[in-house]
Amino acid sequence: MPAYNSELSLPLLASRIQPVLETLATDYELILVDDASSDGTWSVIEGLARDHTWIRGVHFMRNYGQHNAVLCGIRMARYDVTVTLDDDLQHPPEEIPKLLEKLTQDTDVVYGSPAQETHGLWRDMASQVTKIALQSAMGAPIARKAGPFRAFRTRIRDAFAGYDGPYVAIDALLTWGTRRFAAVDVRHEQRTLGKSNYTFRKLVVHALNMITGFSTLPLQLASLIGFVLTLVGIVALIFVVAKYLIEGGGVPGFSFLASMIAIFSGAQLFSLGIIGEYLARMHARSMQHPTYSIREMTVTAQSDKVSSRR
């Protein structure tokens, strides 16, 4: 579970999730990854880890983002099934059994899809944009049902064990290990503690990171635009030549020529911008920016050690 400025919700979440886990398994754990919160979240996690041996905490050096924190927790998981959920209690822990029940022999990943989301208009619109981008990155229709509340077989992480890029999209990484996805409807409760850390802008930026980091669709789109505008230019050239041969004069109108130049120039700049975005990501990878960096952990046993720089 990624945690960011959630000192109010974590104690309540821990008290609600424990009876659920006790009914599901004899061995379980809760990994809380503090994404460099600015409040007392880490102190709360340390207290929970002292009071409950099944809770482990990780504290990041700086804020890396929700998906980077989730990836850290996935890599630390010790059991056969991993469940991820947010720290705001909008995904009720009591719904976890629904996901595990759907995790059959024919399924590797199960998403908890809200029957009815309780976000505002702009947040819902941004979420839809993100899911469209995710569908392009995942290449699977189930992307429209994807979300942070998910259960999957832990061994899937072997498929992206070597991933060390700064841009992380958990759902896209899961497709590297399986194509057997499913979804089940779950409750989605109103947030009562704290406020959401995901704004419209952050969701759109995440969608752009996902679609350019794990899909070649933008490059294909740029190629398609260039091809279509080339056809438009050829048609315009044929029209000008035919007009000259038939009527013996040129095509009047500066606005026609100006608009054609503007269209082609805009298409070129758009395509160059997309290519530049991909080059920027290659540059970031070449600089070996870490996926995350750990400041401290609540448990230091030999079996729990992880690399502090991924």
Foldseek 3Di string as FASTA:
>chain_A
DEDAPQLPQVVVQVVQQVVVVVVVDPAAAAEYEYQQHPDCNVVSQLVVCVVDVRYKYFYFPHHLDDQLSVLVVLVLDDDFKDWFDDRQCQFPSNCVVVQVVPCDPQAFKEAAAEPDADDDDLVVVLVQLLLVLVCQLLVDPCSNRHDRTMMGTSVLCVLCVPDWASQGDPSSSSSSRDDGYYYDYGHGDDGDDDDDPDDSVNSNVNSVSRNLVRHCVLLVVLVVLVVVLVVVVVVVVVVQVVCCVPVVDGDDDPVVVVVNVVSVVVSVVSNVVSVVVNVVRVVRVVVRQGNTATDDMSDDDPSRDDDRTD
